Amino acid sequence: MIFLQLFLTFFKIGAFTFGGGYAMLPLIQAEVINNGWLTNEEIINFIAVSESTPGPFAINMATYVGSELGGSFGWWGSLCGAACATLGVVLPSFIIILIVAKCFEAFKKNRIVAGCMSGLKPAAIGLIAAAVVSIGKTVLFPSAVTAAVFASLPFWFSVGIVVVMAVLAFKKVHPILIICSSAILGIALGYLFQLPI
């Protein structure tokens, strides 16, 4: 049944990903695409929506996928699908943090625990970097790297928005302003130049 499959898939994602929502992205992409639930393009579109809505990225993604898949059973199926996927992605962290909270003080100076933490930090950064490359490739080069891509307005507008937002982030502009600015800029450029979606 799809509800159990949603729960188990997102439980696995929640249990085996360290480093937060963005570090989960490669595993979410792999599981969702391999199961045929969403296309890569749909995932990219939802990432943009997820970043513009309140709440953690991984929970938003799980809720969305669950709602979409359960939606074929009506509104109650959409609700059940969203609940199963969301509970699946949240439950491992909840269980692990309860255990860590109980044990961390006793083990924080342990060499094995310290080594584990030292190894997990670069792994999380690597997973986030892999997600950036994957998303960047899909956004900037949706079909392939060709000369036509470099001659298109959407490519240069996307590059321009990335550069402007990176500068704003480097200047320590508040993230809410960056998100709102990028959304406004994207909408304005889309309407002005009637860019394809």
N, C-alpha and C. Protein backbone atom coordinates (compact mmCIF):
# COMPACT_ATOMS: atom_id res chain seq x y z
N MET A 1 0.85 -1.18 0.00
CA MET A 1 0.00 0.00 0.00
C MET A 1 0.89 1.24 0.00
N ILE A 2 0.44 2.27 -0.72
CA ILE A 2 1.25 3.46 -0.92
C ILE A 2 1.56 4.18 0.40
N PHE A 3 0.64 4.15 1.36
CA PHE A 3 0.87 4.88 2.61
C PHE A 3 2.01 4.27 3.42
N LEU A 4 2.05 2.94 3.48
CA LEU A 4 3.15 2.27 4.17
C LEU A 4 4.46 2.50 3.42
N GLN A 5 4.42 2.47 2.10
CA GLN A 5 5.62 2.71 1.29
C GLN A 5 6.14 4.13 1.51
N LEU A 6 5.24 5.10 1.58
CA LEU A 6 5.64 6.48 1.86
C LEU A 6 6.31 6.58 3.22
N PHE A 7 5.68 5.98 4.23
CA PHE A 7 6.23 6.03 5.58
C PHE A 7 7.62 5.41 5.63
N LEU A 8 7.77 4.20 5.07
CA LEU A 8 9.05 3.50 5.13
C LEU A 8 10.14 4.21 4.33
N THR A 9 9.78 4.75 3.17
CA THR A 9 10.76 5.46 2.34
C THR A 9 11.27 6.69 3.06
N PHE A 10 10.35 7.50 3.60
CA PHE A 10 10.78 8.72 4.27
C PHE A 10 11.39 8.43 5.64
N PHE A 11 11.03 7.31 6.26
CA PHE A 11 11.71 6.90 7.49
C PHE A 11 13.17 6.59 7.20
N LYS A 12 13.41 5.89 6.09
CA LYS A 12 14.78 5.57 5.67
C LYS A 12 15.56 6.86 5.39
N ILE A 13 14.93 7.81 4.70
CA ILE A 13 15.59 9.09 4.41
C ILE A 13 15.93 9.81 5.70
N GLY A 14 14.98 9.84 6.62
CA GLY A 14 15.21 10.51 7.90
C GLY A 14 16.26 9.82 8.76
N ALA A 15 16.34 8.51 8.66
CA ALA A 15 17.26 7.75 9.50
C ALA A 15 18.70 7.76 8.99
N PHE A 16 18.88 7.87 7.68
CA PHE A 16 20.22 7.73 7.12
C PHE A 16 20.81 9.01 6.56
N THR A 17 20.23 10.14 6.89
CA THR A 17 20.78 11.40 6.40
C THR A 17 21.16 12.26 7.58
N PHE A 18 22.40 12.73 7.55
CA PHE A 18 22.90 13.61 8.60
C PHE A 18 23.21 14.96 7.98
N GLY A 19 22.98 16.03 8.73
CA GLY A 19 23.34 17.35 8.24
C GLY A 19 22.17 18.23 7.88
N GLY A 20 20.95 17.81 8.17
CA GLY A 20 19.80 18.67 7.93
C GLY A 20 19.15 18.47 6.58
N GLY A 21 18.20 19.36 6.28
CA GLY A 21 17.36 19.25 5.10
C GLY A 21 18.10 19.19 3.79
N TYR A 22 19.09 20.06 3.59
CA TYR A 22 19.79 20.08 2.31
C TYR A 22 20.64 18.84 2.11
N ALA A 23 21.16 18.30 3.19
CA ALA A 23 21.93 17.07 3.09
C ALA A 23 21.02 15.90 2.72
N MET A 24 19.72 16.03 3.01
CA MET A 24 18.75 14.99 2.67
C MET A 24 18.41 15.00 1.18
N LEU A 25 18.66 16.13 0.52
CA LEU A 25 18.20 16.30 -0.86
C LEU A 25 18.67 15.20 -1.81
N PRO A 26 19.95 14.80 -1.81
CA PRO A 26 20.33 13.73 -2.74
C PRO A 26 19.57 12.42 -2.50
N LEU A 27 19.35 12.09 -1.23
CA LEU A 27 18.62 10.85 -0.92
C LEU A 27 17.14 10.99 -1.28
N ILE A 28 16.55 12.16 -1.02
CA ILE A 28 15.16 12.40 -1.41
C ILE A 28 15.02 12.28 -2.92
N GLN A 29 15.95 12.94 -3.65
CA GLN A 29 15.90 12.87 -5.12
C GLN A 29 15.97 11.42 -5.60
N ALA A 30 16.94 10.69 -5.08
CA ALA A 30 17.12 9.30 -5.51
C ALA A 30 15.88 8.46 -5.24
N GLU A 31 15.35 8.53 -4.03
CA GLU A 31 14.20 7.70 -3.66
C GLU A 31 12.94 8.09 -4.43
N VAL A 32 12.68 9.39 -4.53
CA VAL A 32 11.46 9.85 -5.18
C VAL A 32 11.49 9.56 -6.68
N ILE A 33 12.65 9.77 -7.30
CA ILE A 33 12.77 9.51 -8.74
C ILE A 33 12.76 8.00 -9.01
N ASN A 34 13.51 7.22 -8.22
CA ASN A 34 13.54 5.77 -8.42
C ASN A 34 12.17 5.12 -8.25
N ASN A 35 11.35 5.67 -7.36
CA ASN A 35 10.01 5.14 -7.17
C ASN A 35 9.03 5.68 -8.21
N GLY A 36 9.47 6.63 -9.05
CA GLY A 36 8.62 7.19 -10.08
C GLY A 36 7.55 8.13 -9.55
N TRP A 37 7.79 8.69 -8.37
CA TRP A 37 6.80 9.56 -7.76
C TRP A 37 6.81 10.96 -8.35
N LEU A 38 8.00 11.49 -8.63
CA LEU A 38 8.16 12.82 -9.22
C LEU A 38 9.28 12.78 -10.23
N THR A 39 9.27 13.72 -11.17
CA THR A 39 10.39 13.87 -12.09
C THR A 39 11.40 14.82 -11.46
N ASN A 40 12.60 14.86 -12.02
CA ASN A 40 13.63 15.77 -11.52
C ASN A 40 13.16 17.22 -11.63
N GLU A 41 12.48 17.55 -12.72
CA GLU A 41 11.96 18.90 -12.93
C GLU A 41 10.94 19.27 -11.85
N GLU A 42 10.07 18.33 -11.51
CA GLU A 42 9.07 18.58 -10.46
C GLU A 42 9.75 18.79 -9.11
N ILE A 43 10.81 18.04 -8.85
CA ILE A 43 11.55 18.22 -7.60
C ILE A 43 12.16 19.61 -7.53
N ILE A 44 12.76 20.06 -8.63
CA ILE A 44 13.37 21.39 -8.67
C ILE A 44 12.32 22.47 -8.44
N ASN A 45 11.17 22.33 -9.08
CA ASN A 45 10.10 23.30 -8.88
C ASN A 45 9.64 23.32 -7.44
N PHE A 46 9.54 22.15 -6.83
CA PHE A 46 9.09 22.13 -5.45
C PHE A 46 10.14 22.68 -4.50
N ILE A 47 11.42 22.52 -4.82
CA ILE A 47 12.47 23.09 -3.98
C ILE A 47 12.29 24.61 -3.92
N ALA A 48 12.00 25.21 -5.07
CA ALA A 48 11.77 26.66 -5.10
C ALA A 48 10.57 27.04 -4.23
N VAL A 49 9.50 26.26 -4.33
CA VAL A 49 8.31 26.53 -3.52
C VAL A 49 8.62 26.30 -2.04
N SER A 50 9.34 25.23 -1.74
CA SER A 50 9.66 24.89 -0.37
C SER A 50 10.50 25.97 0.31
N GLU A 51 11.39 26.57 -0.44
CA GLU A 51 12.23 27.63 0.12
C GLU A 51 11.45 28.90 0.38
N SER A 52 10.30 29.04 -0.26
CA SER A 52 9.49 30.24 -0.10
C SER A 52 8.36 30.04 0.91
N THR A 53 8.25 28.85 1.48
CA THR A 53 7.21 28.57 2.46
C THR A 53 7.84 28.28 3.82
N PRO A 54 7.09 28.54 4.88
CA PRO A 54 7.64 28.28 6.22
C PRO A 54 7.85 26.79 6.47
N GLY A 55 8.78 26.49 7.35
CA GLY A 55 9.00 25.11 7.76
C GLY A 55 10.27 24.53 7.17
N PRO A 56 10.76 23.45 7.79
CA PRO A 56 11.98 22.79 7.32
C PRO A 56 11.78 22.16 5.94
N PHE A 57 12.82 22.22 5.15
CA PHE A 57 12.79 21.75 3.77
C PHE A 57 12.37 20.29 3.66
N ALA A 58 12.99 19.42 4.44
CA ALA A 58 12.72 17.98 4.33
C ALA A 58 11.28 17.66 4.69
N ILE A 59 10.75 18.34 5.70
CA ILE A 59 9.36 18.11 6.10
C ILE A 59 8.41 18.60 5.00
N ASN A 60 8.70 19.78 4.45
CA ASN A 60 7.87 20.30 3.35
C ASN A 60 7.88 19.34 2.17
N MET A 61 9.05 18.82 1.84
CA MET A 61 9.17 17.90 0.71
C MET A 61 8.40 16.61 0.98
N ALA A 62 8.55 16.05 2.17
CA ALA A 62 7.84 14.81 2.52
C ALA A 62 6.33 15.03 2.49
N THR A 63 5.88 16.14 3.05
CA THR A 63 4.46 16.44 3.08
C THR A 63 3.90 16.59 1.66
N TYR A 64 4.65 17.27 0.81
CA TYR A 64 4.22 17.48 -0.57
C TYR A 64 4.12 16.15 -1.33
N VAL A 65 5.18 15.36 -1.26
CA VAL A 65 5.19 14.09 -1.98
C VAL A 65 4.06 13.19 -1.48
N GLY A 66 3.90 13.10 -0.16
CA GLY A 66 2.83 12.29 0.41
C GLY A 66 1.45 12.76 -0.02
N SER A 67 1.26 14.06 -0.03
CA SER A 67 -0.02 14.63 -0.44
C SER A 67 -0.31 14.35 -1.91
N GLU A 68 0.71 14.51 -2.75
CA GLU A 68 0.54 14.25 -4.19
C GLU A 68 0.18 12.79 -4.45
N LEU A 69 0.92 11.88 -3.82
CA LEU A 69 0.68 10.45 -4.07
C LEU A 69 -0.63 9.97 -3.48
N GLY A 70 -0.96 10.47 -2.30
CA GLY A 70 -2.22 10.07 -1.68
C GLY A 70 -3.43 10.73 -2.31
N GLY A 71 -3.20 11.80 -3.07
CA GLY A 71 -4.30 12.55 -3.68
C GLY A 71 -5.17 11.75 -4.62
N SER A 72 -4.64 10.67 -5.17
CA SER A 72 -5.45 9.84 -6.07
C SER A 72 -6.58 9.12 -5.31
N PHE A 73 -6.51 9.09 -3.97
CA PHE A 73 -7.55 8.47 -3.15
C PHE A 73 -8.53 9.52 -2.61
N GLY A 74 -8.45 10.75 -3.10
CA GLY A 74 -9.33 11.82 -2.62
C GLY A 74 -8.64 12.65 -1.56
N TRP A 75 -9.42 13.55 -0.96
CA TRP A 75 -8.82 14.47 0.02
C TRP A 75 -8.29 13.73 1.24
N TRP A 76 -8.99 12.66 1.67
CA TRP A 76 -8.51 11.92 2.84
C TRP A 76 -7.21 11.19 2.51
N GLY A 77 -7.08 10.71 1.28
CA GLY A 77 -5.84 10.05 0.85
C GLY A 77 -4.68 11.02 0.81
N SER A 78 -4.98 12.23 0.35
CA SER A 78 -3.96 13.29 0.33
C SER A 78 -3.48 13.59 1.74
N LEU A 79 -4.43 13.68 2.66
CA LEU A 79 -4.11 13.95 4.06
C LEU A 79 -3.32 12.80 4.69
N CYS A 80 -3.75 11.57 4.43
CA CYS A 80 -3.05 10.39 4.97
C CYS A 80 -1.65 10.25 4.38
N GLY A 81 -1.53 10.48 3.07
CA GLY A 81 -0.22 10.41 2.44
C GLY A 81 0.74 11.44 3.01
N ALA A 82 0.24 12.67 3.19
CA ALA A 82 1.07 13.73 3.77
C ALA A 82 1.49 13.37 5.19
N ALA A 83 0.54 12.85 5.98
CA ALA A 83 0.83 12.49 7.37
C ALA A 83 1.84 11.34 7.45
N CYS A 84 1.68 10.32 6.61
CA CYS A 84 2.59 9.16 6.64
C CYS A 84 4.02 9.56 6.26
N ALA A 85 4.15 10.33 5.18
CA ALA A 85 5.48 10.74 4.73
C ALA A 85 6.13 11.67 5.75
N THR A 86 5.35 12.61 6.29
CA THR A 86 5.90 13.56 7.26
C THR A 86 6.32 12.85 8.55
N LEU A 87 5.47 11.96 9.04
CA LEU A 87 5.82 11.19 10.24
C LEU A 87 7.05 10.34 9.98
N GLY A 88 7.14 9.75 8.80
CA GLY A 88 8.31 8.94 8.45
C GLY A 88 9.60 9.71 8.48
N VAL A 89 9.61 10.93 7.94
CA VAL A 89 10.86 11.70 7.89
C VAL A 89 11.23 12.31 9.24
N VAL A 90 10.23 12.54 10.10
CA VAL A 90 10.48 13.19 11.39
C VAL A 90 10.82 12.19 12.49
N LEU A 91 10.22 11.03 12.46
CA LEU A 91 10.35 10.06 13.55
C LEU A 91 11.80 9.65 13.86
N PRO A 92 12.63 9.34 12.87
CA PRO A 92 14.01 8.96 13.20
C PRO A 92 14.76 10.04 13.96
N SER A 93 14.62 11.29 13.52
CA SER A 93 15.31 12.39 14.21
C SER A 93 14.80 12.53 15.64
N PHE A 94 13.50 12.39 15.81
CA PHE A 94 12.89 12.50 17.13
C PHE A 94 13.45 11.44 18.07
N ILE A 95 13.50 10.20 17.58
CA ILE A 95 14.03 9.09 18.40
C ILE A 95 15.51 9.30 18.70
N ILE A 96 16.27 9.66 17.67
CA ILE A 96 17.73 9.83 17.84
C ILE A 96 18.03 10.97 18.79
N ILE A 97 17.32 12.09 18.67
CA ILE A 97 17.62 13.24 19.54
C ILE A 97 17.26 12.93 21.00
N LEU A 98 16.22 12.11 21.22
CA LEU A 98 15.91 11.70 22.59
C LEU A 98 17.05 10.87 23.18
N ILE A 99 17.58 9.96 22.38
CA ILE A 99 18.69 9.12 22.84
C ILE A 99 19.94 9.96 23.07
N VAL A 100 20.23 10.84 22.11
CA VAL A 100 21.43 11.69 22.23
C VAL A 100 21.32 12.60 23.44
N ALA A 101 20.16 13.19 23.67
CA ALA A 101 19.98 14.08 24.81
C ALA A 101 20.24 13.36 26.13
N LYS A 102 19.86 12.11 26.19
CA LYS A 102 20.08 11.32 27.41
C LYS A 102 21.55 10.94 27.58
N CYS A 103 22.23 10.67 26.46
CA CYS A 103 23.57 10.09 26.54
C CYS A 103 24.72 11.06 26.23
N PHE A 104 24.44 12.19 25.62
CA PHE A 104 25.52 13.03 25.10
C PHE A 104 26.46 13.53 26.18
N GLU A 105 25.93 13.98 27.28
CA GLU A 105 26.79 14.50 28.37
C GLU A 105 27.79 13.45 28.82
N ALA A 106 27.34 12.22 28.90
CA ALA A 106 28.22 11.14 29.37
C ALA A 106 29.28 10.78 28.33
N PHE A 107 28.98 10.97 27.04
CA PHE A 107 29.89 10.49 25.99
C PHE A 107 30.56 11.58 25.17
N LYS A 108 30.29 12.86 25.46
CA LYS A 108 30.79 13.90 24.57
C LYS A 108 32.31 13.99 24.54
N LYS A 109 32.99 13.51 25.57
CA LYS A 109 34.46 13.53 25.58
C LYS A 109 35.05 12.20 25.12
N ASN A 110 34.21 11.26 24.76
CA ASN A 110 34.65 9.97 24.27
C ASN A 110 35.31 10.14 22.90
N ARG A 111 36.44 9.49 22.68
CA ARG A 111 37.18 9.64 21.41
C ARG A 111 36.39 9.12 20.21
N ILE A 112 35.64 8.06 20.40
CA ILE A 112 34.85 7.49 19.31
C ILE A 112 33.74 8.47 18.89
N VAL A 113 33.05 9.05 19.88
CA VAL A 113 31.99 10.01 19.59
C VAL A 113 32.57 11.24 18.91
N ALA A 114 33.70 11.74 19.43
CA ALA A 114 34.35 12.91 18.82
C ALA A 114 34.79 12.61 17.40
N GLY A 115 35.33 11.41 17.17
CA GLY A 115 35.73 11.01 15.81
C GLY A 115 34.54 10.91 14.87
N CYS A 116 33.46 10.37 15.39
CA CYS A 116 32.23 10.25 14.59
C CYS A 116 31.74 11.63 14.17
N MET A 117 31.72 12.56 15.11
CA MET A 117 31.28 13.94 14.80
C MET A 117 32.22 14.60 13.79
N SER A 118 33.51 14.36 13.92
CA SER A 118 34.48 14.92 12.98
C SER A 118 34.29 14.36 11.58
N GLY A 119 33.92 13.10 11.49
CA GLY A 119 33.68 12.49 10.18
C GLY A 119 32.36 12.90 9.56
N LEU A 120 31.34 13.14 10.38
CA LEU A 120 30.03 13.49 9.86
C LEU A 120 29.98 14.92 9.29
N LYS A 121 30.75 15.83 9.86
CA LYS A 121 30.71 17.23 9.39
C LYS A 121 31.11 17.36 7.92
N PRO A 122 32.27 16.83 7.49
CA PRO A 122 32.59 16.95 6.06
C PRO A 122 31.65 16.15 5.17
N ALA A 123 31.12 15.04 5.67
CA ALA A 123 30.17 14.26 4.87
C ALA A 123 28.91 15.08 4.61
N ALA A 124 28.43 15.80 5.64
CA ALA A 124 27.25 16.64 5.47
C ALA A 124 27.51 17.75 4.46
N ILE A 125 28.70 18.36 4.52
CA ILE A 125 29.05 19.41 3.56
C ILE A 125 29.11 18.83 2.15
N GLY A 126 29.65 17.63 2.01
CA GLY A 126 29.71 16.98 0.70
C GLY A 126 28.32 16.70 0.14
N LEU A 127 27.39 16.26 0.99
CA LEU A 127 26.02 16.00 0.54
C LEU A 127 25.33 17.29 0.10
N ILE A 128 25.56 18.37 0.85
CA ILE A 128 24.98 19.67 0.47
C ILE A 128 25.58 20.14 -0.85
N ALA A 129 26.89 19.98 -1.03
CA ALA A 129 27.54 20.37 -2.29
C ALA A 129 26.99 19.55 -3.46
N ALA A 130 26.77 18.26 -3.25
CA ALA A 130 26.20 17.42 -4.31
C ALA A 130 24.81 17.89 -4.69
N ALA A 131 24.02 18.30 -3.69
CA ALA A 131 22.68 18.83 -3.97
C ALA A 131 22.75 20.12 -4.76
N VAL A 132 23.70 21.01 -4.41
CA VAL A 132 23.88 22.27 -5.14
C VAL A 132 24.22 22.00 -6.60
N VAL A 133 25.14 21.08 -6.84
CA VAL A 133 25.54 20.75 -8.22
C VAL A 133 24.36 20.16 -8.99
N SER A 134 23.63 19.24 -8.38
CA SER A 134 22.50 18.59 -9.04
C SER A 134 21.40 19.60 -9.38
N ILE A 135 21.05 20.45 -8.42
CA ILE A 135 20.02 21.46 -8.65
C ILE A 135 20.49 22.48 -9.67
N GLY A 136 21.74 22.93 -9.53
CA GLY A 136 22.29 23.91 -10.48
C GLY A 136 22.28 23.39 -11.89
N LYS A 137 22.62 22.13 -12.06
CA LYS A 137 22.63 21.53 -13.40
C LYS A 137 21.22 21.51 -13.99
N THR A 138 20.24 21.13 -13.17
CA THR A 138 18.87 21.07 -13.66
C THR A 138 18.31 22.45 -13.97
N VAL A 139 18.63 23.44 -13.13
CA VAL A 139 18.11 24.79 -13.34
C VAL A 139 18.78 25.47 -14.52
N LEU A 140 20.11 25.40 -14.59
CA LEU A 140 20.84 26.14 -15.62
C LEU A 140 20.91 25.39 -16.94
N PHE A 141 20.97 24.07 -16.89
CA PHE A 141 21.09 23.26 -18.11
C PHE A 141 20.03 22.16 -18.10
N PRO A 142 18.74 22.52 -18.27
CA PRO A 142 17.66 21.54 -18.12
C PRO A 142 17.74 20.35 -19.07
N SER A 143 18.19 20.56 -20.30
CA SER A 143 18.26 19.41 -21.22
C SER A 143 19.70 18.93 -21.38
N ALA A 144 20.61 19.86 -21.67
CA ALA A 144 22.03 19.51 -21.82
C ALA A 144 22.83 20.80 -21.93
N VAL A 145 24.14 20.67 -21.79
CA VAL A 145 25.02 21.84 -21.95
C VAL A 145 25.26 22.02 -23.44
N THR A 146 24.60 23.03 -24.00
CA THR A 146 24.75 23.33 -25.43
C THR A 146 24.98 24.81 -25.62
N ALA A 147 25.40 25.19 -26.82
CA ALA A 147 25.60 26.60 -27.13
C ALA A 147 24.29 27.36 -27.04
N ALA A 148 23.18 26.72 -27.38
CA ALA A 148 21.87 27.36 -27.33
C ALA A 148 21.51 27.81 -25.91
N VAL A 149 21.92 27.04 -24.92
CA VAL A 149 21.63 27.40 -23.53
C VAL A 149 22.29 28.72 -23.18
N PHE A 150 23.55 28.88 -23.60
CA PHE A 150 24.29 30.10 -23.28
C PHE A 150 23.76 31.33 -24.03
N ALA A 151 22.98 31.09 -25.07
CA ALA A 151 22.41 32.20 -25.84
C ALA A 151 20.99 32.56 -25.37
N SER A 152 20.46 31.82 -24.39
CA SER A 152 19.09 32.05 -23.96
C SER A 152 18.99 33.04 -22.80
N LEU A 153 17.93 33.84 -22.81
CA LEU A 153 17.69 34.80 -21.72
C LEU A 153 17.47 34.11 -20.38
N PRO A 154 16.68 33.03 -20.28
CA PRO A 154 16.47 32.40 -18.97
C PRO A 154 17.79 31.99 -18.28
N PHE A 155 18.74 31.50 -19.06
CA PHE A 155 20.03 31.09 -18.49
C PHE A 155 20.70 32.29 -17.82
N TRP A 156 20.80 33.40 -18.55
CA TRP A 156 21.50 34.56 -18.02
C TRP A 156 20.74 35.23 -16.88
N PHE A 157 19.41 35.19 -16.92
CA PHE A 157 18.64 35.71 -15.80
C PHE A 157 18.86 34.85 -14.56
N SER A 158 18.88 33.54 -14.74
CA SER A 158 19.13 32.65 -13.61
C SER A 158 20.51 32.88 -13.02
N VAL A 159 21.52 33.00 -13.88
CA VAL A 159 22.88 33.26 -13.40
C VAL A 159 22.92 34.61 -12.67
N GLY A 160 22.26 35.62 -13.25
CA GLY A 160 22.23 36.95 -12.62
C GLY A 160 21.59 36.92 -11.25
N ILE A 161 20.47 36.21 -11.13
CA ILE A 161 19.78 36.11 -9.83
C ILE A 161 20.67 35.39 -8.82
N VAL A 162 21.33 34.31 -9.24
CA VAL A 162 22.24 33.57 -8.33
C VAL A 162 23.35 34.50 -7.84
N VAL A 163 23.95 35.26 -8.74
CA VAL A 163 25.06 36.15 -8.37
C VAL A 163 24.58 37.23 -7.40
N VAL A 164 23.45 37.88 -7.74
CA VAL A 164 22.92 38.96 -6.88
C VAL A 164 22.59 38.41 -5.50
N MET A 165 21.94 37.24 -5.44
CA MET A 165 21.57 36.67 -4.15
C MET A 165 22.79 36.21 -3.36
N ALA A 166 23.82 35.72 -4.05
CA ALA A 166 25.06 35.33 -3.36
C ALA A 166 25.74 36.55 -2.75
N VAL A 167 25.75 37.66 -3.49
CA VAL A 167 26.34 38.90 -2.97
C VAL A 167 25.56 39.38 -1.76
N LEU A 168 24.23 39.34 -1.85
CA LEU A 168 23.41 39.77 -0.70
C LEU A 168 23.65 38.87 0.51
N ALA A 169 23.76 37.57 0.28
CA ALA A 169 24.03 36.65 1.39
C ALA A 169 25.41 36.92 2.00
N PHE A 170 26.40 37.18 1.15
CA PHE A 170 27.75 37.49 1.63
C PHE A 170 27.76 38.78 2.43
N LYS A 171 26.90 39.71 2.06
CA LYS A 171 26.81 41.01 2.77
C LYS A 171 25.97 40.90 4.03
N LYS A 172 25.53 39.69 4.35
CA LYS A 172 24.74 39.39 5.55
C LYS A 172 23.35 40.03 5.54
N VAL A 173 22.77 40.16 4.33
CA VAL A 173 21.39 40.62 4.23
C VAL A 173 20.50 39.50 4.78
N HIS A 174 19.44 39.87 5.47
CA HIS A 174 18.58 38.88 6.10
C HIS A 174 18.02 37.91 5.05
N PRO A 175 18.02 36.59 5.36
CA PRO A 175 17.54 35.59 4.39
C PRO A 175 16.12 35.83 3.90
N ILE A 176 15.24 36.37 4.74
CA ILE A 176 13.87 36.64 4.30
C ILE A 176 13.88 37.65 3.16
N LEU A 177 14.71 38.67 3.28
CA LEU A 177 14.81 39.67 2.21
C LEU A 177 15.37 39.05 0.92
N ILE A 178 16.32 38.14 1.07
CA ILE A 178 16.90 37.48 -0.11
C ILE A 178 15.85 36.63 -0.81
N ILE A 179 15.09 35.86 -0.04
CA ILE A 179 14.04 35.01 -0.62
C ILE A 179 12.98 35.86 -1.32
N CYS A 180 12.51 36.91 -0.64
CA CYS A 180 11.48 37.78 -1.23
C CYS A 180 12.02 38.49 -2.47
N SER A 181 13.27 38.96 -2.39
CA SER A 181 13.88 39.66 -3.54
C SER A 181 14.01 38.74 -4.74
N SER A 182 14.46 37.51 -4.51
CA SER A 182 14.63 36.59 -5.63
C SER A 182 13.29 36.21 -6.25
N ALA A 183 12.26 36.06 -5.42
CA ALA A 183 10.93 35.76 -5.95
C ALA A 183 10.40 36.93 -6.79
N ILE A 184 10.54 38.14 -6.27
CA ILE A 184 10.07 39.34 -6.99
C ILE A 184 10.85 39.51 -8.29
N LEU A 185 12.15 39.33 -8.23
CA LEU A 185 13.00 39.46 -9.42
C LEU A 185 12.62 38.42 -10.47
N GLY A 186 12.42 37.19 -10.05
CA GLY A 186 12.03 36.13 -10.98
C GLY A 186 10.68 36.39 -11.62
N ILE A 187 9.70 36.84 -10.82
CA ILE A 187 8.37 37.16 -11.35
C ILE A 187 8.46 38.32 -12.34
N ALA A 188 9.19 39.37 -11.97
CA ALA A 188 9.31 40.54 -12.83
C ALA A 188 9.97 40.18 -14.16
N LEU A 189 11.07 39.44 -14.10
CA LEU A 189 11.76 39.07 -15.34
C LEU A 189 10.90 38.14 -16.20
N GLY A 190 10.18 37.24 -15.56
CA GLY A 190 9.29 36.34 -16.29
C GLY A 190 8.20 37.09 -17.04
N TYR A 191 7.61 38.08 -16.37
CA TYR A 191 6.55 38.85 -17.02
C TYR A 191 7.10 39.81 -18.08
N LEU A 192 8.21 40.47 -17.77
CA LEU A 192 8.76 41.43 -18.70
C LEU A 192 9.19 40.79 -20.02
N PHE A 193 9.81 39.62 -19.90
CA PHE A 193 10.37 38.97 -21.08
C PHE A 193 9.58 37.73 -21.51
N GLN A 194 8.43 37.48 -20.84
CA GLN A 194 7.57 36.35 -21.15
C GLN A 194 8.37 35.06 -21.32
N LEU A 195 9.14 34.76 -20.25
CA LEU A 195 9.99 33.57 -20.27
C LEU A 195 9.15 32.32 -20.12
N PRO A 196 9.57 31.22 -20.75
CA PRO A 196 8.83 29.97 -20.58
C PRO A 196 9.03 29.43 -19.17
N ILE A 197 8.02 28.74 -18.66
CA ILE A 197 8.11 28.17 -17.31
C ILE A 197 8.76 26.81 -17.39
